Amino acid sequence: MPTVPVPSSLLRVRADDPEYRRVAAAEAAYWQNVLPGSLEDVEKHYRVGRNERYMNMRFTGEPRTHWTESIARWGTFRHGLVLGTSSLRYEARILVTNPGLHLVFVDLSVGAVARRADVLGKRFPGRVSTATADLNFLEIPAATYDLVVSSSTVHHVTNLEHLAFQVNRGLTAGGHFFLEDYVGEPRFLFSDAKKRLFDVVYHRDLAAQRGRKPGLVWLDASDLSPFCGVRSDEILDVFRVYLEEVQVRTAGTLSNAVMRSRPADYPFPVSPWKIRLARWRKRLGLQRADLLGKRFLDELFLVGDVASEAGIVRPSVAFAVYRKRG
């Protein structure tokens, strides 16, 4: 077994640094309330669409099986820790599909954990606990949890080595860690190659639309939280050092870029019936990916998967399963 470095000497940020404390406070405030377009917001009008069926196929091999519903396949779990918060809907699915499980939710934001205590605590009495903590400095008691889960959170962590060490330390013998997260370019600033691939697929689709003008505008990082994507491209490399990697599956290489770009001619002229259709879909809470054409999305899925697996560009999202390293 390779020697694992002690994480205390590898901290990128320290809790007593005044500048770090200022930015951490801004990060916590950013997530205090439910943000428009966030996972918690869109699930109010949940609908399984083409994008989710594709992600499910990539992660579990079944279009109707979300990765959270696959956890029970790996064992019977009793004591679980959830690092960060993401979707109440799928956090609930973990509890539903693992009926003997108690979960402790830990997050930097007081508001986020309060919503878990309220919603999930009422639905699953006696099975939900919460705590507020900074994952950059989290201390997990040794051999305490047979299950650790994290979704859409680790890409906000700077002290990856420390967190990975703590996860492995906190797992019981035979315990599992399930990670689903963004693992693409830092701060969602995609590589030139990824932008070019997306541009080609987009303009193939655009050619069939009358009156449209070419061009894309890529969003910068100004709308992101302070910690978002700080070391996202290093997550998989770090965690495979500190835990035993069992499985890694990737997806969303190009489709993820839909949410970080917009057409250069937006808002573009559309007929009245399309405006009514768009308003109806908006009321259902559908995201932009649900409004795009079938052919366009299918090409994004295929080209992105092939390009990432060929090593041409980084994947955007990963679902990884780890065991405790001995």
C-alpha atoms as a PDB file:
ATOM      1  CA  MET A   1       0.000   0.000   0.000  1.00  0.00           C
ATOM      2  CA  PRO A   2       1.432   3.446  -0.892  1.00  0.00           C
ATOM      3  CA  THR A   3       2.406   5.777   1.906  1.00  0.00           C
ATOM      4  CA  VAL A   4      -0.302   8.389   2.421  1.00  0.00           C
ATOM      5  CA  PRO A   5       0.982  11.890   3.276  1.00  0.00           C
ATOM      6  CA  VAL A   6      -0.141  13.455   6.540  1.00  0.00           C
ATOM      7  CA  PRO A   7      -2.628  16.190   5.530  1.00  0.00           C
ATOM      8  CA  SER A   8      -1.783  18.677   8.287  1.00  0.00           C
ATOM      9  CA  SER A   9       1.325  19.723   6.357  1.00  0.00           C
ATOM     10  CA  LEU A  10      -0.624  20.081   3.095  1.00  0.00           C
ATOM     11  CA  LEU A  11      -3.270  22.637   4.039  1.00  0.00           C
ATOM     12  CA  ARG A  12      -3.791  25.189   1.285  1.00  0.00           C
ATOM     13  CA  VAL A  13      -5.857  27.477   3.540  1.00  0.00           C
ATOM     14  CA  ARG A  14      -5.874  27.917   7.312  1.00  0.00           C
ATOM     15  CA  ALA A  15      -8.786  28.729   9.601  1.00  0.00           C
ATOM     16  CA  ASP A  16      -6.941  31.576  11.372  1.00  0.00           C
ATOM     17  CA  ASP A  17      -6.193  33.463   8.145  1.00  0.00           C
ATOM     18  CA  PRO A  18      -8.273  36.699   8.245  1.00  0.00           C
ATOM     19  CA  GLU A  19      -8.719  36.789   4.460  1.00  0.00           C
ATOM     20  CA  TYR A  20      -9.859  33.175   4.397  1.00  0.00           C
ATOM     21  CA  ARG A  21     -12.345  33.844   7.188  1.00  0.00           C
ATOM     22  CA  ARG A  22     -13.771  36.791   5.223  1.00  0.00           C
ATOM     23  CA  VAL A  23     -14.247  34.700   2.078  1.00  0.00           C
ATOM     24  CA  ALA A  24     -15.661  31.751   4.040  1.00  0.00           C
ATOM     25  CA  ALA A  25     -18.278  34.051   5.568  1.00  0.00           C
ATOM     26  CA  ALA A  26     -19.234  35.197   2.066  1.00  0.00           C
ATOM     27  CA  GLU A  27     -19.521  31.567   0.932  1.00  0.00           C
ATOM     28  CA  ALA A  28     -21.804  30.699   3.855  1.00  0.00           C
ATOM     29  CA  ALA A  29     -23.977  33.735   3.173  1.00  0.00           C
ATOM     30  CA  TYR A  30     -24.217  32.821  -0.515  1.00  0.00           C
ATOM     31  CA  TRP A  31     -25.936  29.512   0.373  1.00  0.00           C
ATOM     32  CA  GLN A  32     -27.996  30.788   3.303  1.00  0.00           C
ATOM     33  CA  ASN A  33     -31.186  30.867   1.223  1.00  0.00           C
ATOM     34  CA  VAL A  34     -32.392  28.763  -1.704  1.00  0.00           C
ATOM     35  CA  LEU A  35     -30.877  30.291  -4.827  1.00  0.00           C
ATOM     36  CA  PRO A  36     -32.914  30.596  -8.047  1.00  0.00           C
ATOM     37  CA  GLY A  37     -31.840  27.845 -10.433  1.00  0.00           C
ATOM     38  CA  SER A  38     -30.081  25.802  -7.738  1.00  0.00           C
ATOM     39  CA  LEU A  39     -30.762  22.104  -7.178  1.00  0.00           C
ATOM     40  CA  GLU A  40     -33.058  22.930  -4.256  1.00  0.00           C
ATOM     41  CA  ASP A  41     -34.944  25.483  -6.339  1.00  0.00           C
ATOM     42  CA  VAL A  42     -35.584  23.463  -9.513  1.00  0.00           C
ATOM     43  CA  GLU A  43     -36.649  20.344  -7.641  1.00  0.00           C
ATOM     44  CA  LYS A  44     -39.819  22.157  -6.587  1.00  0.00           C
ATOM     45  CA  HIS A  45     -41.086  21.434 -10.107  1.00  0.00           C
ATOM     46  CA  TYR A  46     -39.203  18.205 -10.634  1.00  0.00           C
ATOM     47  CA  ARG A  47     -39.441  16.337 -13.895  1.00  0.00           C
ATOM     48  CA  VAL A  48     -37.235  13.501 -15.171  1.00  0.00           C
ATOM     49  CA  GLY A  49     -35.952  14.740 -18.522  1.00  0.00           C
ATOM     50  CA  ARG A  50     -33.554  13.614 -21.223  1.00  0.00           C
ATOM     51  CA  ASN A  51     -30.506  14.991 -19.396  1.00  0.00           C
ATOM     52  CA  GLU A  52     -31.230  13.107 -16.179  1.00  0.00           C
ATOM     53  CA  ARG A  53     -31.949   9.845 -18.016  1.00  0.00           C
ATOM     54  CA  TYR A  54     -28.597  10.224 -19.753  1.00  0.00           C
ATOM     55  CA  MET A  55     -26.787  10.918 -16.462  1.00  0.00           C
ATOM     56  CA  ASN A  56     -28.480   7.929 -14.847  1.00  0.00           C
ATOM     57  CA  MET A  57     -27.367   5.653 -17.682  1.00  0.00           C
ATOM     58  CA  ARG A  58     -23.785   6.846 -17.338  1.00  0.00           C
ATOM     59  CA  PHE A  59     -23.740   6.476 -13.552  1.00  0.00           C
ATOM     60  CA  THR A  60     -25.934   3.434 -12.831  1.00  0.00           C
ATOM     61  CA  GLY A  61     -26.586   1.813 -16.203  1.00  0.00           C
ATOM     62  CA  GLU A  62     -30.328   2.358 -15.861  1.00  0.00           C
ATOM     63  CA  PRO A  63     -32.141   5.466 -17.191  1.00  0.00           C
ATOM     64  CA  ARG A  64     -34.622   5.568 -14.300  1.00  0.00           C
ATOM     65  CA  THR A  65     -32.162   4.819 -11.477  1.00  0.00           C
ATOM     66  CA  HIS A  66     -30.464   7.808  -9.889  1.00  0.00           C
ATOM     67  CA  TRP A  67     -27.040   7.252  -8.344  1.00  0.00           C
ATOM     68  CA  THR A  68     -28.429   7.847  -4.839  1.00  0.00           C
ATOM     69  CA  GLU A  69     -30.754   4.884  -5.359  1.00  0.00           C
ATOM     70  CA  SER A  70     -27.787   2.647  -6.210  1.00  0.00           C
ATOM     71  CA  ILE A  71     -26.122   3.079  -2.800  1.00  0.00           C
ATOM     72  CA  ALA A  72     -28.117   0.225  -1.260  1.00  0.00           C
ATOM     73  CA  ARG A  73     -26.585  -2.163  -3.811  1.00  0.00           C
ATOM     74  CA  TRP A  74     -23.242  -1.833  -2.056  1.00  0.00           C
ATOM     75  CA  GLY A  75     -24.344  -2.977   1.375  1.00  0.00           C
ATOM     76  CA  THR A  76     -26.540  -2.399   4.401  1.00  0.00           C
ATOM     77  CA  PHE A  77     -25.647   0.920   5.997  1.00  0.00           C
ATOM     78  CA  ARG A  78     -26.579   2.176   9.464  1.00  0.00           C
ATOM     79  CA  HIS A  79     -24.496   5.243  10.270  1.00  0.00           C
ATOM     80  CA  GLY A  80     -24.020   7.815   7.517  1.00  0.00           C
ATOM     81  CA  LEU A  81     -22.412  11.214   7.103  1.00  0.00           C
ATOM     82  CA  VAL A  82     -23.395  13.649   4.336  1.00  0.00           C
ATOM     83  CA  LEU A  83     -20.730  16.208   3.456  1.00  0.00           C
ATOM     84  CA  GLY A  84     -22.497  19.320   2.202  1.00  0.00           C
ATOM     85  CA  THR A  85     -26.046  19.698   0.963  1.00  0.00           C
ATOM     86  CA  SER A  86     -27.448  19.502  -2.566  1.00  0.00           C
ATOM     87  CA  SER A  87     -30.942  18.206  -3.370  1.00  0.00           C
ATOM     88  CA  LEU A  88     -33.522  17.497  -0.686  1.00  0.00           C
ATOM     89  CA  ARG A  89     -35.286  15.170  -3.093  1.00  0.00           C
ATOM     90  CA  TYR A  90     -32.294  12.883  -3.535  1.00  0.00           C
ATOM     91  CA  GLU A  91     -31.108  13.183   0.027  1.00  0.00           C
ATOM     92  CA  ALA A  92     -34.545  11.815   0.921  1.00  0.00           C
ATOM     93  CA  ARG A  93     -34.084   8.979  -1.594  1.00  0.00           C
ATOM     94  CA  ILE A  94     -30.985   7.841   0.298  1.00  0.00           C
ATOM     95  CA  LEU A  95     -33.071   7.529   3.460  1.00  0.00           C
ATOM     96  CA  VAL A  96     -35.962   5.825   1.659  1.00  0.00           C
ATOM     97  CA  THR A  97     -33.786   3.204  -0.055  1.00  0.00           C
ATOM     98  CA  ASN A  98     -31.719   2.538   3.094  1.00  0.00           C
ATOM     99  CA  PRO A  99     -34.453   2.176   5.750  1.00  0.00           C
ATOM    100  CA  GLY A 100     -32.133   1.418   8.676  1.00  0.00           C
ATOM    101  CA  LEU A 101     -29.852   4.383   8.018  1.00  0.00           C
ATOM    102  CA  HIS A 102     -29.294   7.460  10.200  1.00  0.00           C
ATOM    103  CA  LEU A 103     -27.720  10.439   8.399  1.00  0.00           C
ATOM    104  CA  VAL A 104     -25.745  13.359   9.798  1.00  0.00           C
ATOM    105  CA  PHE A 105     -25.743  16.373   7.450  1.00  0.00           C
ATOM    106  CA  VAL A 106     -22.768  18.746   7.727  1.00  0.00           C
ATOM    107  CA  ASP A 107     -22.548  22.040   5.827  1.00  0.00           C
ATOM    108  CA  LEU A 108     -20.931  25.463   6.093  1.00  0.00           C
ATOM    109  CA  SER A 109     -24.289  27.228   5.768  1.00  0.00           C
ATOM    110  CA  VAL A 110     -26.597  27.458   8.772  1.00  0.00           C
ATOM    111  CA  GLY A 111     -29.583  27.877   6.460  1.00  0.00           C
ATOM    112  CA  ALA A 112     -28.799  24.762   4.442  1.00  0.00           C
ATOM    113  CA  VAL A 113     -28.585  22.444   7.455  1.00  0.00           C
ATOM    114  CA  ALA A 114     -31.654  24.068   9.032  1.00  0.00           C
ATOM    115  CA  ARG A 115     -33.694  23.138   5.952  1.00  0.00           C
ATOM    116  CA  ARG A 116     -32.554  19.497   6.308  1.00  0.00           C
ATOM    117  CA  ALA A 117     -33.489  19.432   9.976  1.00  0.00           C
ATOM    118  CA  ASP A 118     -36.899  20.857   9.148  1.00  0.00           C
ATOM    119  CA  VAL A 119     -37.862  18.964   5.984  1.00  0.00           C
ATOM    120  CA  LEU A 120     -36.047  15.653   6.350  1.00  0.00           C
ATOM    121  CA  GLY A 121     -36.197  15.603  10.136  1.00  0.00           C
ATOM    122  CA  LYS A 122     -39.993  15.761  10.042  1.00  0.00           C
ATOM    123  CA  ARG A 123     -40.283  13.168   7.283  1.00  0.00           C
ATOM    124  CA  PHE A 124     -37.784  10.747   8.857  1.00  0.00           C
ATOM    125  CA  PRO A 125     -38.091  11.242  12.639  1.00  0.00           C
ATOM    126  CA  GLY A 126     -35.086  10.053  14.622  1.00  0.00           C
ATOM    127  CA  ARG A 127     -33.015   9.415  11.504  1.00  0.00           C
ATOM    128  CA  VAL A 128     -31.598  12.870  10.718  1.00  0.00           C
ATOM    129  CA  SER A 129     -29.039  15.012  12.556  1.00  0.00           C
ATOM    130  CA  THR A 130     -27.298  18.187  11.435  1.00  0.00           C
ATOM    131  CA  ALA A 131     -24.160  20.156  12.185  1.00  0.00           C
ATOM    132  CA  THR A 132     -22.517  23.300  10.841  1.00  0.00           C
ATOM    133  CA  ALA A 133     -18.836  23.020   9.935  1.00  0.00           C
ATOM    134  CA  ASP A 134     -16.261  24.087   7.362  1.00  0.00           C
ATOM    135  CA  LEU A 135     -15.270  21.029   5.313  1.00  0.00           C
ATOM    136  CA  ASN A 136     -11.814  22.525   4.827  1.00  0.00           C
ATOM    137  CA  PHE A 137     -11.109  21.799   8.496  1.00  0.00           C
ATOM    138  CA  LEU A 138     -13.632  19.100   9.375  1.00  0.00           C
ATOM    139  CA  GLU A 139     -12.494  16.505  11.922  1.00  0.00           C
ATOM    140  CA  ILE A 140     -14.310  13.163  11.569  1.00  0.00           C
ATOM    141  CA  PRO A 141     -14.075  10.743  14.512  1.00  0.00           C
ATOM    142  CA  ALA A 142     -12.177   7.571  13.591  1.00  0.00           C
ATOM    143  CA  ALA A 143     -14.117   4.484  12.429  1.00  0.00           C
ATOM    144  CA  THR A 144     -17.519   6.097  13.037  1.00  0.00           C
ATOM    145  CA  TYR A 145     -19.467   5.868   9.765  1.00  0.00           C
ATOM    146  CA  ASP A 146     -20.053   2.921   7.447  1.00  0.00           C
ATOM    147  CA  LEU A 147     -21.324   5.370   4.805  1.00  0.00           C
ATOM    148  CA  VAL A 148     -20.131   8.816   3.730  1.00  0.00           C
ATOM    149  CA  VAL A 149     -21.854  10.648   0.864  1.00  0.00           C
ATOM    150  CA  SER A 150     -21.183  13.954  -0.872  1.00  0.00           C
ATOM    151  CA  SER A 151     -22.884  15.553  -3.859  1.00  0.00           C
ATOM    152  CA  SER A 152     -22.093  18.840  -5.604  1.00  0.00           C
ATOM    153  CA  THR A 153     -20.024  20.025  -2.636  1.00  0.00           C
ATOM    154  CA  VAL A 154     -16.393  18.853  -2.754  1.00  0.00           C
ATOM    155  CA  HIS A 155     -15.668  21.173  -5.688  1.00  0.00           C
ATOM    156  CA  HIS A 156     -16.057  23.981  -3.113  1.00  0.00           C
ATOM    157  CA  VAL A 157     -13.268  22.555  -0.910  1.00  0.00           C
ATOM    158  CA  THR A 158      -9.684  23.834  -1.045  1.00  0.00           C
ATOM    159  CA  ASN A 159      -8.101  21.510   1.537  1.00  0.00           C
ATOM    160  CA  LEU A 160      -8.870  18.381  -0.496  1.00  0.00           C
ATOM    161  CA  GLU A 161      -6.072  16.340   1.053  1.00  0.00           C
ATOM    162  CA  HIS A 162      -7.311  17.070   4.559  1.00  0.00           C
ATOM    163  CA  LEU A 163     -10.898  16.154   3.684  1.00  0.00           C
ATOM    164  CA  ALA A 164      -9.919  12.949   1.885  1.00  0.00           C
ATOM    165  CA  PHE A 165      -7.779  11.901   4.867  1.00  0.00           C
ATOM    166  CA  GLN A 166     -10.678  12.603   7.244  1.00  0.00           C
ATOM    167  CA  VAL A 167     -13.173  10.629   5.136  1.00  0.00           C
ATOM    168  CA  ASN A 168     -10.910   7.581   5.107  1.00  0.00           C
ATOM    169  CA  ARG A 169     -10.253   7.977   8.836  1.00  0.00           C
ATOM    170  CA  GLY A 170     -13.949   8.274   9.638  1.00  0.00           C
ATOM    171  CA  LEU A 171     -15.042   5.180   7.718  1.00  0.00           C
ATOM    172  CA  THR A 172     -15.431   1.867   9.497  1.00  0.00           C
ATOM    173  CA  ALA A 173     -13.700  -1.217   8.114  1.00  0.00           C
ATOM    174  CA  GLY A 174     -15.466  -2.005   4.849  1.00  0.00           C
ATOM    175  CA  GLY A 175     -17.152   1.405   4.843  1.00  0.00           C
ATOM    176  CA  HIS A 176     -17.948   3.193   1.572  1.00  0.00           C
ATOM    177  CA  PHE A 177     -17.711   6.760   0.310  1.00  0.00           C
ATOM    178  CA  PHE A 178     -19.977   7.859  -2.561  1.00  0.00           C
ATOM    179  CA  LEU A 179     -18.949  11.034  -4.371  1.00  0.00           C
ATOM    180  CA  GLU A 180     -20.931  12.812  -7.100  1.00  0.00           C
ATOM    181  CA  ASP A 181     -19.461  16.122  -8.153  1.00  0.00           C
ATOM    182  CA  TYR A 182     -18.202  18.559 -10.740  1.00  0.00           C
ATOM    183  CA  VAL A 183     -14.638  17.554 -11.660  1.00  0.00           C
ATOM    184  CA  GLY A 184     -14.056  19.786 -14.680  1.00  0.00           C
ATOM    185  CA  GLU A 185     -11.976  22.894 -15.161  1.00  0.00           C
ATOM    186  CA  PRO A 186     -11.584  25.211 -12.119  1.00  0.00           C
ATOM    187  CA  ARG A 187     -14.243  27.911 -11.729  1.00  0.00           C
ATOM    188  CA  PHE A 188     -16.162  26.399 -14.706  1.00  0.00           C
ATOM    189  CA  LEU A 189     -13.776  28.178 -17.078  1.00  0.00           C
ATOM    190  CA  PHE A 190     -13.719  25.536 -19.787  1.00  0.00           C
ATOM    191  CA  SER A 191     -10.691  24.737 -21.914  1.00  0.00           C
ATOM    192  CA  ASP A 192     -10.448  26.053 -25.472  1.00  0.00           C
ATOM    193  CA  ALA A 193     -10.837  22.504 -26.777  1.00  0.00           C
ATOM    194  CA  LYS A 194     -14.063  21.948 -24.851  1.00  0.00           C
ATOM    195  CA  LYS A 195     -15.470  25.285 -26.007  1.00  0.00           C
ATOM    196  CA  ARG A 196     -14.589  24.453 -29.587  1.00  0.00           C
ATOM    197  CA  LEU A 197     -16.334  21.068 -29.433  1.00  0.00           C
ATOM    198  CA  PHE A 198     -19.434  22.641 -27.936  1.00  0.00           C
ATOM    199  CA  ASP A 199     -19.346  25.400 -30.564  1.00  0.00           C
ATOM    200  CA  VAL A 200     -19.259  22.868 -33.420  1.00  0.00           C
ATOM    201  CA  VAL A 201     -22.234  20.892 -32.108  1.00  0.00           C
ATOM    202  CA  TYR A 202     -24.175  24.073 -31.327  1.00  0.00           C
ATOM    203  CA  HIS A 203     -23.713  25.547 -34.783  1.00  0.00           C
ATOM    204  CA  ARG A 204     -24.687  22.283 -36.473  1.00  0.00           C
ATOM    205  CA  ASP A 205     -28.009  22.613 -34.696  1.00  0.00           C
ATOM    206  CA  LEU A 206     -28.257  26.353 -35.317  1.00  0.00           C
ATOM    207  CA  ALA A 207     -28.022  25.858 -39.092  1.00  0.00           C
ATOM    208  CA  ALA A 208     -31.506  24.292 -39.074  1.00  0.00           C
ATOM    209  CA  GLN A 209     -33.125  27.283 -37.317  1.00  0.00           C
ATOM    210  CA  ARG A 210     -34.372  30.171 -39.441  1.00  0.00           C
ATOM    211  CA  GLY A 211     -33.400  33.732 -38.608  1.00  0.00           C
ATOM    212  CA  ARG A 212     -30.756  32.805 -36.037  1.00  0.00           C
ATOM    213  CA  LYS A 213     -27.309  34.399 -35.879  1.00  0.00           C
ATOM    214  CA  PRO A 214     -24.137  32.448 -35.065  1.00  0.00           C
ATOM    215  CA  GLY A 215     -22.004  32.942 -31.986  1.00  0.00           C
ATOM    216  CA  LEU A 216     -21.859  32.048 -28.302  1.00  0.00           C
ATOM    217  CA  VAL A 217     -21.151  34.091 -25.182  1.00  0.00           C
ATOM    218  CA  TRP A 218     -19.333  32.234 -22.409  1.00  0.00           C
ATOM    219  CA  LEU A 219     -20.075  33.241 -18.830  1.00  0.00           C
ATOM    220  CA  ASP A 220     -17.266  34.233 -16.487  1.00  0.00           C
ATOM    221  CA  ALA A 221     -17.030  33.234 -12.811  1.00  0.00           C
ATOM    222  CA  SER A 222     -18.635  36.395 -11.416  1.00  0.00           C
ATOM    223  CA  ASP A 223     -21.936  34.685 -10.567  1.00  0.00           C
ATOM    224  CA  LEU A 224     -20.319  31.754  -8.740  1.00  0.00           C
ATOM    225  CA  SER A 225     -19.847  31.451  -5.001  1.00  0.00           C
ATOM    226  CA  PRO A 226     -16.322  32.325  -3.759  1.00  0.00           C
ATOM    227  CA  PHE A 227     -15.289  28.695  -3.261  1.00  0.00           C
ATOM    228  CA  CYS A 228     -16.954  27.223  -6.356  1.00  0.00           C
ATOM    229  CA  GLY A 229     -14.623  25.060  -8.428  1.00  0.00           C
ATOM    230  CA  VAL A 230     -11.403  26.149  -6.730  1.00  0.00           C
ATOM    231  CA  ARG A 231      -9.688  22.748  -7.195  1.00  0.00           C
ATOM    232  CA  SER A 232     -12.355  20.815  -9.071  1.00  0.00           C
ATOM    233  CA  ASP A 233      -9.908  19.294 -11.565  1.00  0.00           C
ATOM    234  CA  GLU A 234      -7.853  17.720  -8.742  1.00  0.00           C
ATOM    235  CA  ILE A 235     -10.665  15.971  -6.848  1.00  0.00           C
ATOM    236  CA  LEU A 236     -10.370  12.503  -8.378  1.00  0.00           C
ATOM    237  CA  ASP A 237      -6.568  12.470  -8.238  1.00  0.00           C
ATOM    238  CA  VAL A 238      -6.538  13.403  -4.544  1.00  0.00           C
ATOM    239  CA  PHE A 239      -9.242  11.012  -3.369  1.00  0.00           C
ATOM    240  CA  ARG A 240      -7.732   7.985  -5.097  1.00  0.00           C
ATOM    241  CA  VAL A 241      -4.591   8.555  -3.003  1.00  0.00           C
ATOM    242  CA  TYR A 242      -6.360   8.587   0.366  1.00  0.00           C
ATOM    243  CA  LEU A 243      -9.107   6.010  -0.285  1.00  0.00           C
ATOM    244  CA  GLU A 244      -9.384   2.813  -2.285  1.00  0.00           C
ATOM    245  CA  GLU A 245     -11.034   3.696  -5.581  1.00  0.00           C
ATOM    246  CA  VAL A 246     -13.637   1.114  -6.588  1.00  0.00           C
ATOM    247  CA  GLN A 247     -15.462   2.792  -9.472  1.00  0.00           C
ATOM    248  CA  VAL A 248     -15.418   6.081 -11.350  1.00  0.00           C
ATOM    249  CA  ARG A 249     -17.975   6.970 -14.003  1.00  0.00           C
ATOM    250  CA  THR A 250     -18.104  10.306 -15.801  1.00  0.00           C
ATOM    251  CA  ALA A 251     -20.698  12.288 -17.748  1.00  0.00           C
ATOM    252  CA  GLY A 252     -21.802  15.736 -18.879  1.00  0.00           C
ATOM    253  CA  THR A 253     -18.565  16.721 -20.588  1.00  0.00           C
ATOM    254  CA  LEU A 254     -20.287  19.060 -23.066  1.00  0.00           C
ATOM    255  CA  SER A 255     -23.878  19.206 -21.801  1.00  0.00           C
ATOM    256  CA  ASN A 256     -22.615  20.867 -18.613  1.00  0.00           C
ATOM    257  CA  ALA A 257     -21.492  23.782 -20.781  1.00  0.00           C
ATOM    258  CA  VAL A 258     -25.121  24.586 -21.629  1.00  0.00           C
ATOM    259  CA  MET A 259     -25.485  26.279 -18.242  1.00  0.00           C
ATOM    260  CA  ARG A 260     -22.303  28.352 -18.676  1.00  0.00           C
ATOM    261  CA  SER A 261     -23.044  29.813 -22.116  1.00  0.00           C
ATOM    262  CA  ARG A 262     -25.772  31.624 -23.993  1.00  0.00           C
ATOM    263  CA  PRO A 263     -26.511  32.289 -27.675  1.00  0.00           C
ATOM    264  CA  ALA A 264     -24.983  35.526 -28.972  1.00  0.00           C
ATOM    265  CA  ASP A 265     -28.371  36.534 -30.418  1.00  0.00           C
ATOM    266  CA  TYR A 266     -30.283  35.901 -27.167  1.00  0.00           C
ATOM    267  CA  PRO A 267     -33.034  36.921 -26.713  1.00  0.00           C
ATOM    268  CA  PHE A 268     -33.785  35.881 -30.288  1.00  0.00           C
ATOM    269  CA  PRO A 269     -37.120  36.455 -32.078  1.00  0.00           C
ATOM    270  CA  VAL A 270     -39.612  33.616 -31.745  1.00  0.00           C
ATOM    271  CA  SER A 271     -43.216  33.122 -32.754  1.00  0.00           C
ATOM    272  CA  PRO A 272     -46.024  33.761 -30.210  1.00  0.00           C
ATOM    273  CA  TRP A 273     -46.726  30.046 -29.781  1.00  0.00           C
ATOM    274  CA  LYS A 274     -43.094  29.391 -28.863  1.00  0.00           C
ATOM    275  CA  ILE A 275     -43.276  32.173 -26.271  1.00  0.00           C
ATOM    276  CA  ARG A 276     -46.359  30.563 -24.724  1.00  0.00           C
ATOM    277  CA  LEU A 277     -44.644  27.167 -24.767  1.00  0.00           C
ATOM    278  CA  ALA A 278     -41.547  28.590 -23.086  1.00  0.00           C
ATOM    279  CA  ARG A 279     -43.637  30.226 -20.342  1.00  0.00           C
ATOM    280  CA  TRP A 280     -45.483  26.967 -19.737  1.00  0.00           C
ATOM    281  CA  ARG A 281     -42.223  25.055 -19.477  1.00  0.00           C
ATOM    282  CA  LYS A 282     -40.786  27.696 -17.160  1.00  0.00           C
ATOM    283  CA  ARG A 283     -43.753  27.222 -14.824  1.00  0.00           C
ATOM    284  CA  LEU A 284     -42.879  23.534 -14.730  1.00  0.00           C
ATOM    285  CA  GLY A 285     -39.389  24.459 -13.579  1.00  0.00           C
ATOM    286  CA  LEU A 286     -37.582  23.087 -16.624  1.00  0.00           C
ATOM    287  CA  GLN A 287     -34.004  24.149 -17.175  1.00  0.00           C
ATOM    288  CA  ARG A 288     -32.487  25.242 -20.465  1.00  0.00           C
ATOM    289  CA  ALA A 289     -31.283  21.698 -21.199  1.00  0.00           C
ATOM    290  CA  ASP A 290     -34.908  20.529 -21.220  1.00  0.00           C
ATOM    291  CA  LEU A 291     -35.824  23.167 -23.803  1.00  0.00           C
ATOM    292  CA  LEU A 292     -33.119  22.178 -26.277  1.00  0.00           C
ATOM    293  CA  GLY A 293     -33.713  19.861 -29.186  1.00  0.00           C
ATOM    294  CA  LYS A 294     -33.344  16.087 -28.907  1.00  0.00           C
ATOM    295  CA  ARG A 295     -30.734  15.888 -31.663  1.00  0.00           C
ATOM    296  CA  PHE A 296     -28.647  18.677 -30.143  1.00  0.00           C
ATOM    297  CA  LEU A 297     -28.580  17.072 -26.696  1.00  0.00           C
ATOM    298  CA  ASP A 298     -27.877  13.594 -28.067  1.00  0.00           C
ATOM    299  CA  GLU A 299     -24.912  14.959 -30.023  1.00  0.00           C
ATOM    300  CA  LEU A 300     -23.622  16.806 -26.964  1.00  0.00           C
ATOM    301  CA  PHE A 301     -23.835  13.606 -24.916  1.00  0.00           C
ATOM    302  CA  LEU A 302     -22.097  11.447 -27.521  1.00  0.00           C
ATOM    303  CA  VAL A 303     -19.343  13.842 -28.591  1.00  0.00           C
ATOM    304  CA  GLY A 304     -18.601  14.809 -24.998  1.00  0.00           C
ATOM    305  CA  ASP A 305     -18.362  11.240 -23.753  1.00  0.00           C
ATOM    306  CA  VAL A 306     -16.117  10.138 -26.619  1.00  0.00           C
ATOM    307  CA  ALA A 307     -13.861  13.187 -26.297  1.00  0.00           C
ATOM    308  CA  SER A 308     -13.380  12.792 -22.537  1.00  0.00           C
ATOM    309  CA  GLU A 309     -12.795   9.046 -22.707  1.00  0.00           C
ATOM    310  CA  ALA A 310     -10.237   9.636 -25.476  1.00  0.00           C
ATOM    311  CA  GLY A 311      -8.430  12.101 -23.220  1.00  0.00           C
ATOM    312  CA  ILE A 312      -9.087  15.104 -25.481  1.00  0.00           C
ATOM    313  CA  VAL A 313     -10.971  17.114 -22.830  1.00  0.00           C
ATOM    314  CA  ARG A 314     -11.806  16.749 -19.163  1.00  0.00           C
ATOM    315  CA  PRO A 315     -15.154  15.249 -18.133  1.00  0.00           C
ATOM    316  CA  SER A 316     -17.430  17.611 -16.232  1.00  0.00           C
ATOM    317  CA  VAL A 317     -19.192  15.395 -13.679  1.00  0.00           C
ATOM    318  CA  ALA A 318     -18.161  12.169 -11.974  1.00  0.00           C
ATOM    319  CA  PHE A 319     -19.776   9.545  -9.777  1.00  0.00           C
ATOM    320  CA  ALA A 320     -17.144   7.669  -7.804  1.00  0.00           C
ATOM    321  CA  VAL A 321     -17.317   4.890  -5.232  1.00  0.00           C
ATOM    322  CA  TYR A 322     -14.518   4.382  -2.691  1.00  0.00           C
ATOM    323  CA  ARG A 323     -13.760   1.972   0.136  1.00  0.00           C
ATOM    324  CA  LYS A 324     -11.774   2.647   3.262  1.00  0.00           C
ATOM    325  CA  ARG A 325      -8.078   2.232   2.627  1.00  0.00           C
ATOM    326  CA  GLY A 326      -6.705  -0.231   5.137  1.00  0.00           C
END
